[in-house]
């Protein structure tokens, strides 16, 4: 129970930061060209026209790109202000849902999950239950895209887009990330380490077995 209360406090505090910096975040990350290769590979792997969830979508930039690729994408985020900014940017009706990625309000049979720089905010003790939920929601053959920061342990950062506001990060090593996916029932099919700016990112594509 203490573990659950700690996770709730961590996530609540991090989401409060995202609510406060939503316009600044959107201004910093509206250009998604750096992810062009990841988008293209995800679209290749997912069933054409399939239903996909953009988990931790923020202002929904990736949701919009996935829809442009012909996928029926729904953006999920716990930050109300992030979603509000997304609505202003994209004018998409019925494409965003405010929800906690640990408890997604969807039925199984989703074709793909896109979790770009969002799962890294989940405290480690809740990582496996969350990943198992992703696996449960995916249809057989469904694909997940995952990007997390490479490193060890977990920690708070205190600067966020020019504001003295905290965010919590869980860092991953390649081996532990692959073990997590496989334990959850997802087979890693592609992955690499990518450096963007000063950050090293672990990128993974994994698939639910038929």
C-alpha atoms as a PDB file:
ATOM      1  CA  UNK A   1       0.000   0.000   0.000  1.00  0.00           C
ATOM      2  CA  UNK A   2       2.884   2.365   0.801  1.00  0.00           C
ATOM      3  CA  UNK A   3       4.324   1.647  -2.649  1.00  0.00           C
ATOM      4  CA  UNK A   4       1.042   2.597  -4.312  1.00  0.00           C
ATOM      5  CA  UNK A   5       0.716   5.811  -2.286  1.00  0.00           C
ATOM      6  CA  UNK A   6       4.280   6.751  -3.211  1.00  0.00           C
ATOM      7  CA  UNK A   7       3.588   6.175  -6.911  1.00  0.00           C
ATOM      8  CA  UNK A   8       0.420   8.267  -6.742  1.00  0.00           C
ATOM      9  CA  UNK A   9       2.327  11.126  -5.102  1.00  0.00           C
ATOM     10  CA  UNK A  10       5.112  10.951  -7.693  1.00  0.00           C
ATOM     11  CA  UNK A  11       2.763  10.936 -10.657  1.00  0.00           C
ATOM     12  CA  UNK A  12       0.495  13.633  -9.206  1.00  0.00           C
ATOM     13  CA  UNK A  13       3.459  15.950  -8.691  1.00  0.00           C
ATOM     14  CA  UNK A  14       4.840  15.309 -12.176  1.00  0.00           C
ATOM     15  CA  UNK A  15       1.456  15.904 -13.809  1.00  0.00           C
ATOM     16  CA  UNK A  16       1.094  19.180 -11.890  1.00  0.00           C
ATOM     17  CA  UNK A  17       4.344  20.281 -13.515  1.00  0.00           C
ATOM     18  CA  UNK A  18       3.087  19.355 -16.987  1.00  0.00           C
ATOM     19  CA  UNK A  19      -0.138  21.250 -16.345  1.00  0.00           C
ATOM     20  CA  UNK A  20       1.928  24.320 -15.482  1.00  0.00           C
ATOM     21  CA  UNK A  21       4.273  24.164 -18.478  1.00  0.00           C
ATOM     22  CA  UNK A  22       1.921  22.871 -21.182  1.00  0.00           C
ATOM     23  CA  UNK A  23       2.259  25.889 -23.554  1.00  0.00           C
ATOM     24  CA  UNK A  24       6.058  25.920 -23.162  1.00  0.00           C
ATOM     25  CA  UNK A  25       6.263  22.192 -23.811  1.00  0.00           C
ATOM     26  CA  UNK A  26       4.150  22.538 -26.955  1.00  0.00           C
ATOM     27  CA  UNK A  27       6.328  25.352 -28.256  1.00  0.00           C
ATOM     28  CA  UNK A  28       9.471  23.278 -27.687  1.00  0.00           C
ATOM     29  CA  UNK A  29       8.298  20.025 -29.280  1.00  0.00           C
ATOM     30  CA  UNK A  30       5.882  20.862 -32.104  1.00  0.00           C
ATOM     31  CA  UNK A  31       8.474  19.838 -34.722  1.00  0.00           C
ATOM     32  CA  UNK A  32       8.381  16.017 -34.794  1.00  0.00           C
ATOM     33  CA  UNK A  33      10.713  15.502 -37.771  1.00  0.00           C
ATOM     34  CA  UNK A  34      13.363  14.026 -35.472  1.00  0.00           C
ATOM     35  CA  UNK A  35      11.050  10.993 -35.096  1.00  0.00           C
ATOM     36  CA  UNK A  36      10.357  10.493 -38.805  1.00  0.00           C
ATOM     37  CA  UNK A  37      12.073   7.093 -38.949  1.00  0.00           C
ATOM     38  CA  UNK A  38      10.253   5.851 -35.851  1.00  0.00           C
ATOM     39  CA  UNK A  39       6.883   6.957 -37.221  1.00  0.00           C
ATOM     40  CA  UNK A  40       7.553   5.271 -40.553  1.00  0.00           C
ATOM     41  CA  UNK A  41       8.569   1.977 -38.940  1.00  0.00           C
ATOM     42  CA  UNK A  42       5.577   1.969 -36.595  1.00  0.00           C
ATOM     43  CA  UNK A  43       3.209   2.530 -39.520  1.00  0.00           C
ATOM     44  CA  UNK A  44       4.860  -0.364 -41.387  1.00  0.00           C
ATOM     45  CA  UNK A  45       4.403  -2.718 -38.445  1.00  0.00           C
ATOM     46  CA  UNK A  46       0.837  -1.811 -37.466  1.00  0.00           C
ATOM     47  CA  UNK A  47      -2.202  -3.093 -39.369  1.00  0.00           C
ATOM     48  CA  UNK A  48      -3.189  -0.513 -42.042  1.00  0.00           C
ATOM     49  CA  UNK A  49      -5.900   1.759 -40.703  1.00  0.00           C
ATOM     50  CA  UNK A  50      -5.574   0.168 -37.254  1.00  0.00           C
ATOM     51  CA  UNK A  51      -6.585   1.569 -33.898  1.00  0.00           C
ATOM     52  CA  UNK A  52      -3.616   2.905 -31.932  1.00  0.00           C
ATOM     53  CA  UNK A  53      -3.168   4.664 -28.604  1.00  0.00           C
ATOM     54  CA  UNK A  54      -0.691   7.524 -28.221  1.00  0.00           C
ATOM     55  CA  UNK A  55       0.000   6.986 -24.524  1.00  0.00           C
ATOM     56  CA  UNK A  56       1.260  10.083 -22.733  1.00  0.00           C
ATOM     57  CA  UNK A  57       0.476  12.166 -25.791  1.00  0.00           C
ATOM     58  CA  UNK A  58       1.026  15.596 -24.242  1.00  0.00           C
ATOM     59  CA  UNK A  59      -0.284  18.181 -26.731  1.00  0.00           C
ATOM     60  CA  UNK A  60      -1.020  15.425 -29.233  1.00  0.00           C
ATOM     61  CA  UNK A  61       1.600  16.150 -31.871  1.00  0.00           C
ATOM     62  CA  UNK A  62       2.305  12.448 -32.373  1.00  0.00           C
ATOM     63  CA  UNK A  63      -1.419  11.659 -32.347  1.00  0.00           C
ATOM     64  CA  UNK A  64      -1.851  14.034 -35.274  1.00  0.00           C
ATOM     65  CA  UNK A  65       1.110  12.547 -37.176  1.00  0.00           C
ATOM     66  CA  UNK A  66      -0.192   8.999 -36.712  1.00  0.00           C
ATOM     67  CA  UNK A  67      -3.599  10.055 -38.002  1.00  0.00           C
ATOM     68  CA  UNK A  68      -1.923  11.652 -41.022  1.00  0.00           C
ATOM     69  CA  UNK A  69      -0.445   8.221 -41.710  1.00  0.00           C
ATOM     70  CA  UNK A  70      -3.936   6.727 -41.882  1.00  0.00           C
ATOM     71  CA  UNK A  71      -4.074   5.211 -38.391  1.00  0.00           C
ATOM     72  CA  UNK A  72      -7.052   5.732 -36.104  1.00  0.00           C
ATOM     73  CA  UNK A  73      -5.059   7.280 -33.271  1.00  0.00           C
ATOM     74  CA  UNK A  74      -6.381   8.341 -29.879  1.00  0.00           C
ATOM     75  CA  UNK A  75      -4.203  10.499 -27.621  1.00  0.00           C
ATOM     76  CA  UNK A  76      -4.104   9.657 -23.912  1.00  0.00           C
ATOM     77  CA  UNK A  77      -2.671  11.930 -21.225  1.00  0.00           C
ATOM     78  CA  UNK A  78      -3.270  12.622 -17.548  1.00  0.00           C
ATOM     79  CA  UNK A  79      -2.518  16.337 -17.892  1.00  0.00           C
ATOM     80  CA  UNK A  80      -5.702  18.262 -18.618  1.00  0.00           C
ATOM     81  CA  UNK A  81      -3.778  21.351 -19.715  1.00  0.00           C
ATOM     82  CA  UNK A  82      -1.656  19.365 -22.167  1.00  0.00           C
ATOM     83  CA  UNK A  83      -4.796  18.006 -23.799  1.00  0.00           C
ATOM     84  CA  UNK A  84      -6.353  21.479 -23.900  1.00  0.00           C
ATOM     85  CA  UNK A  85      -3.289  22.820 -25.711  1.00  0.00           C
ATOM     86  CA  UNK A  86      -3.518  19.869 -28.099  1.00  0.00           C
ATOM     87  CA  UNK A  87      -7.121  20.659 -28.930  1.00  0.00           C
ATOM     88  CA  UNK A  88      -6.138  24.216 -29.836  1.00  0.00           C
ATOM     89  CA  UNK A  89      -3.279  23.048 -32.051  1.00  0.00           C
ATOM     90  CA  UNK A  90      -5.058  20.253 -33.913  1.00  0.00           C
ATOM     91  CA  UNK A  91      -8.819  20.903 -33.737  1.00  0.00           C
ATOM     92  CA  UNK A  92      -9.376  17.144 -33.544  1.00  0.00           C
ATOM     93  CA  UNK A  93     -12.750  16.136 -32.130  1.00  0.00           C
ATOM     94  CA  UNK A  94     -13.016  13.038 -29.982  1.00  0.00           C
ATOM     95  CA  UNK A  95      -9.351  12.114 -30.381  1.00  0.00           C
ATOM     96  CA  UNK A  96      -8.094  12.828 -26.872  1.00  0.00           C
ATOM     97  CA  UNK A  97      -8.872  11.118 -23.571  1.00  0.00           C
ATOM     98  CA  UNK A  98      -7.697  12.193 -20.128  1.00  0.00           C
ATOM     99  CA  UNK A  99      -6.534   9.025 -18.396  1.00  0.00           C
ATOM    100  CA  UNK A 100      -3.744   7.474 -16.355  1.00  0.00           C
ATOM    101  CA  UNK A 101      -1.595   5.128 -18.465  1.00  0.00           C
ATOM    102  CA  UNK A 102      -1.541   2.667 -15.575  1.00  0.00           C
ATOM    103  CA  UNK A 103      -5.321   2.236 -15.808  1.00  0.00           C
ATOM    104  CA  UNK A 104      -6.343   2.747 -19.421  1.00  0.00           C
ATOM    105  CA  UNK A 105     -10.143   2.706 -19.959  1.00  0.00           C
ATOM    106  CA  UNK A 106     -10.116   0.663 -23.170  1.00  0.00           C
ATOM    107  CA  UNK A 107     -11.093  -2.817 -24.239  1.00  0.00           C
ATOM    108  CA  UNK A 108      -8.547  -5.234 -25.640  1.00  0.00           C
ATOM    109  CA  UNK A 109      -7.838  -5.573 -29.379  1.00  0.00           C
ATOM    110  CA  UNK A 110      -5.816  -2.389 -29.930  1.00  0.00           C
ATOM    111  CA  UNK A 111      -3.519  -2.632 -32.973  1.00  0.00           C
ATOM    112  CA  UNK A 112      -0.691  -0.479 -31.653  1.00  0.00           C
ATOM    113  CA  UNK A 113       0.572   1.533 -28.705  1.00  0.00           C
ATOM    114  CA  UNK A 114       2.880   4.519 -29.188  1.00  0.00           C
ATOM    115  CA  UNK A 115       4.579   5.491 -25.909  1.00  0.00           C
ATOM    116  CA  UNK A 116       7.122   8.175 -26.755  1.00  0.00           C
ATOM    117  CA  UNK A 117       8.987   9.649 -23.754  1.00  0.00           C
ATOM    118  CA  UNK A 118       6.056   8.975 -21.441  1.00  0.00           C
ATOM    119  CA  UNK A 119       6.529   5.546 -19.824  1.00  0.00           C
ATOM    120  CA  UNK A 120       9.739   6.932 -18.286  1.00  0.00           C
ATOM    121  CA  UNK A 121       7.636   8.779 -15.700  1.00  0.00           C
ATOM    122  CA  UNK A 122       6.262   5.524 -14.248  1.00  0.00           C
ATOM    123  CA  UNK A 123       7.994   4.557 -10.961  1.00  0.00           C
ATOM    124  CA  UNK A 124       9.869   1.282 -11.359  1.00  0.00           C
ATOM    125  CA  UNK A 125       7.649  -0.780  -9.011  1.00  0.00           C
ATOM    126  CA  UNK A 126       4.683   0.041 -11.262  1.00  0.00           C
ATOM    127  CA  UNK A 127       6.504  -0.535 -14.550  1.00  0.00           C
ATOM    128  CA  UNK A 128       5.653  -4.223 -14.958  1.00  0.00           C
ATOM    129  CA  UNK A 129       1.936  -3.913 -14.080  1.00  0.00           C
ATOM    130  CA  UNK A 130       1.680  -1.012 -16.522  1.00  0.00           C
ATOM    131  CA  UNK A 131       3.462  -2.903 -19.297  1.00  0.00           C
ATOM    132  CA  UNK A 132       1.293  -5.975 -18.692  1.00  0.00           C
ATOM    133  CA  UNK A 133      -1.756  -3.766 -19.147  1.00  0.00           C
ATOM    134  CA  UNK A 134      -0.372  -2.553 -22.473  1.00  0.00           C
ATOM    135  CA  UNK A 135       0.116  -6.179 -23.515  1.00  0.00           C
ATOM    136  CA  UNK A 136      -3.414  -7.079 -22.442  1.00  0.00           C
ATOM    137  CA  UNK A 137      -4.885  -4.281 -24.557  1.00  0.00           C
ATOM    138  CA  UNK A 138      -2.957  -5.229 -27.698  1.00  0.00           C
ATOM    139  CA  UNK A 139      -4.477  -7.585 -30.232  1.00  0.00           C
ATOM    140  CA  UNK A 140      -2.363 -10.623 -31.192  1.00  0.00           C
ATOM    141  CA  UNK A 141       0.339  -9.269 -33.481  1.00  0.00           C
ATOM    142  CA  UNK A 142      -0.167  -5.761 -32.092  1.00  0.00           C
ATOM    143  CA  UNK A 143       2.899  -3.538 -31.799  1.00  0.00           C
ATOM    144  CA  UNK A 144       4.244  -1.204 -29.147  1.00  0.00           C
ATOM    145  CA  UNK A 145       6.749   1.592 -29.727  1.00  0.00           C
ATOM    146  CA  UNK A 146       8.596   2.667 -26.605  1.00  0.00           C
ATOM    147  CA  UNK A 147      11.258   5.297 -25.938  1.00  0.00           C
ATOM    148  CA  UNK A 148      12.808   5.876 -22.521  1.00  0.00           C
ATOM    149  CA  UNK A 149      15.921   7.603 -21.219  1.00  0.00           C
ATOM    150  CA  UNK A 150      19.001   5.423 -20.891  1.00  0.00           C
ATOM    151  CA  UNK A 151      20.596   5.358 -17.472  1.00  0.00           C
ATOM    152  CA  UNK A 152      20.402   3.914 -13.984  1.00  0.00           C
ATOM    153  CA  UNK A 153      18.087   4.392 -11.006  1.00  0.00           C
ATOM    154  CA  UNK A 154      15.339   7.018 -10.766  1.00  0.00           C
ATOM    155  CA  UNK A 155      15.447  10.683  -9.816  1.00  0.00           C
ATOM    156  CA  UNK A 156      13.687  14.017  -9.746  1.00  0.00           C
ATOM    157  CA  UNK A 157      14.736  16.869 -12.003  1.00  0.00           C
ATOM    158  CA  UNK A 158      14.001  20.401 -10.828  1.00  0.00           C
ATOM    159  CA  UNK A 159      14.100  22.455 -14.033  1.00  0.00           C
ATOM    160  CA  UNK A 160      11.341  22.125 -16.616  1.00  0.00           C
ATOM    161  CA  UNK A 161      11.211  24.387 -19.680  1.00  0.00           C
ATOM    162  CA  UNK A 162      12.520  27.409 -17.800  1.00  0.00           C
ATOM    163  CA  UNK A 163      10.492  26.775 -14.640  1.00  0.00           C
ATOM    164  CA  UNK A 164      11.675  25.543 -11.233  1.00  0.00           C
ATOM    165  CA  UNK A 165       9.244  22.632 -11.254  1.00  0.00           C
ATOM    166  CA  UNK A 166       9.944  18.931 -10.644  1.00  0.00           C
ATOM    167  CA  UNK A 167       9.535  15.879 -12.850  1.00  0.00           C
ATOM    168  CA  UNK A 168      10.267  12.289 -11.905  1.00  0.00           C
ATOM    169  CA  UNK A 169      12.194   9.975 -14.249  1.00  0.00           C
ATOM    170  CA  UNK A 170      12.865   6.257 -14.212  1.00  0.00           C
ATOM    171  CA  UNK A 171      15.950   5.420 -16.265  1.00  0.00           C
ATOM    172  CA  UNK A 172      16.518   2.101 -18.038  1.00  0.00           C
ATOM    173  CA  UNK A 173      19.289  -0.125 -19.299  1.00  0.00           C
ATOM    174  CA  UNK A 174      18.786  -2.102 -22.516  1.00  0.00           C
ATOM    175  CA  UNK A 175      18.828  -5.475 -20.771  1.00  0.00           C
ATOM    176  CA  UNK A 176      16.329  -4.528 -18.073  1.00  0.00           C
ATOM    177  CA  UNK A 177      14.013  -2.905 -20.622  1.00  0.00           C
ATOM    178  CA  UNK A 178      14.027  -6.006 -22.823  1.00  0.00           C
ATOM    179  CA  UNK A 179      13.421  -8.200 -19.764  1.00  0.00           C
ATOM    180  CA  UNK A 180      10.471  -6.013 -18.808  1.00  0.00           C
ATOM    181  CA  UNK A 181       8.900  -6.327 -22.255  1.00  0.00           C
ATOM    182  CA  UNK A 182       9.363 -10.083 -22.398  1.00  0.00           C
ATOM    183  CA  UNK A 183       8.046 -10.639 -18.880  1.00  0.00           C
ATOM    184  CA  UNK A 184       4.937  -8.671 -19.869  1.00  0.00           C
ATOM    185  CA  UNK A 185       4.437 -10.939 -22.884  1.00  0.00           C
ATOM    186  CA  UNK A 186       5.868  -8.657 -25.566  1.00  0.00           C
ATOM    187  CA  UNK A 187       8.634  -9.797 -27.891  1.00  0.00           C
ATOM    188  CA  UNK A 188      11.245  -7.106 -28.727  1.00  0.00           C
ATOM    189  CA  UNK A 189      11.677  -7.090 -32.503  1.00  0.00           C
ATOM    190  CA  UNK A 190      13.823  -3.986 -33.069  1.00  0.00           C
ATOM    191  CA  UNK A 191      15.706  -1.536 -30.909  1.00  0.00           C
ATOM    192  CA  UNK A 192      18.608   0.844 -30.696  1.00  0.00           C
ATOM    193  CA  UNK A 193      20.264   3.557 -28.625  1.00  0.00           C
ATOM    194  CA  UNK A 194      19.805   7.052 -30.033  1.00  0.00           C
ATOM    195  CA  UNK A 195      21.289  10.354 -28.902  1.00  0.00           C
ATOM    196  CA  UNK A 196      19.174  13.492 -29.264  1.00  0.00           C
ATOM    197  CA  UNK A 197      20.827  16.583 -27.867  1.00  0.00           C
ATOM    198  CA  UNK A 198      22.410  15.541 -24.598  1.00  0.00           C
ATOM    199  CA  UNK A 199      19.978  12.690 -23.940  1.00  0.00           C
ATOM    200  CA  UNK A 200      20.528   9.022 -24.745  1.00  0.00           C
ATOM    201  CA  UNK A 201      17.277   7.274 -25.645  1.00  0.00           C
ATOM    202  CA  UNK A 202      16.508   3.566 -25.679  1.00  0.00           C
ATOM    203  CA  UNK A 203      14.098   2.857 -28.540  1.00  0.00           C
ATOM    204  CA  UNK A 204      12.143  -0.401 -28.755  1.00  0.00           C
ATOM    205  CA  UNK A 205       9.554  -1.954 -31.018  1.00  0.00           C
ATOM    206  CA  UNK A 206       7.902  -5.041 -29.539  1.00  0.00           C
ATOM    207  CA  UNK A 207       5.035  -7.281 -30.588  1.00  0.00           C
ATOM    208  CA  UNK A 208       2.364  -9.299 -28.832  1.00  0.00           C
ATOM    209  CA  UNK A 209       2.601 -12.890 -29.989  1.00  0.00           C
ATOM    210  CA  UNK A 210      -0.391 -14.488 -31.714  1.00  0.00           C
END
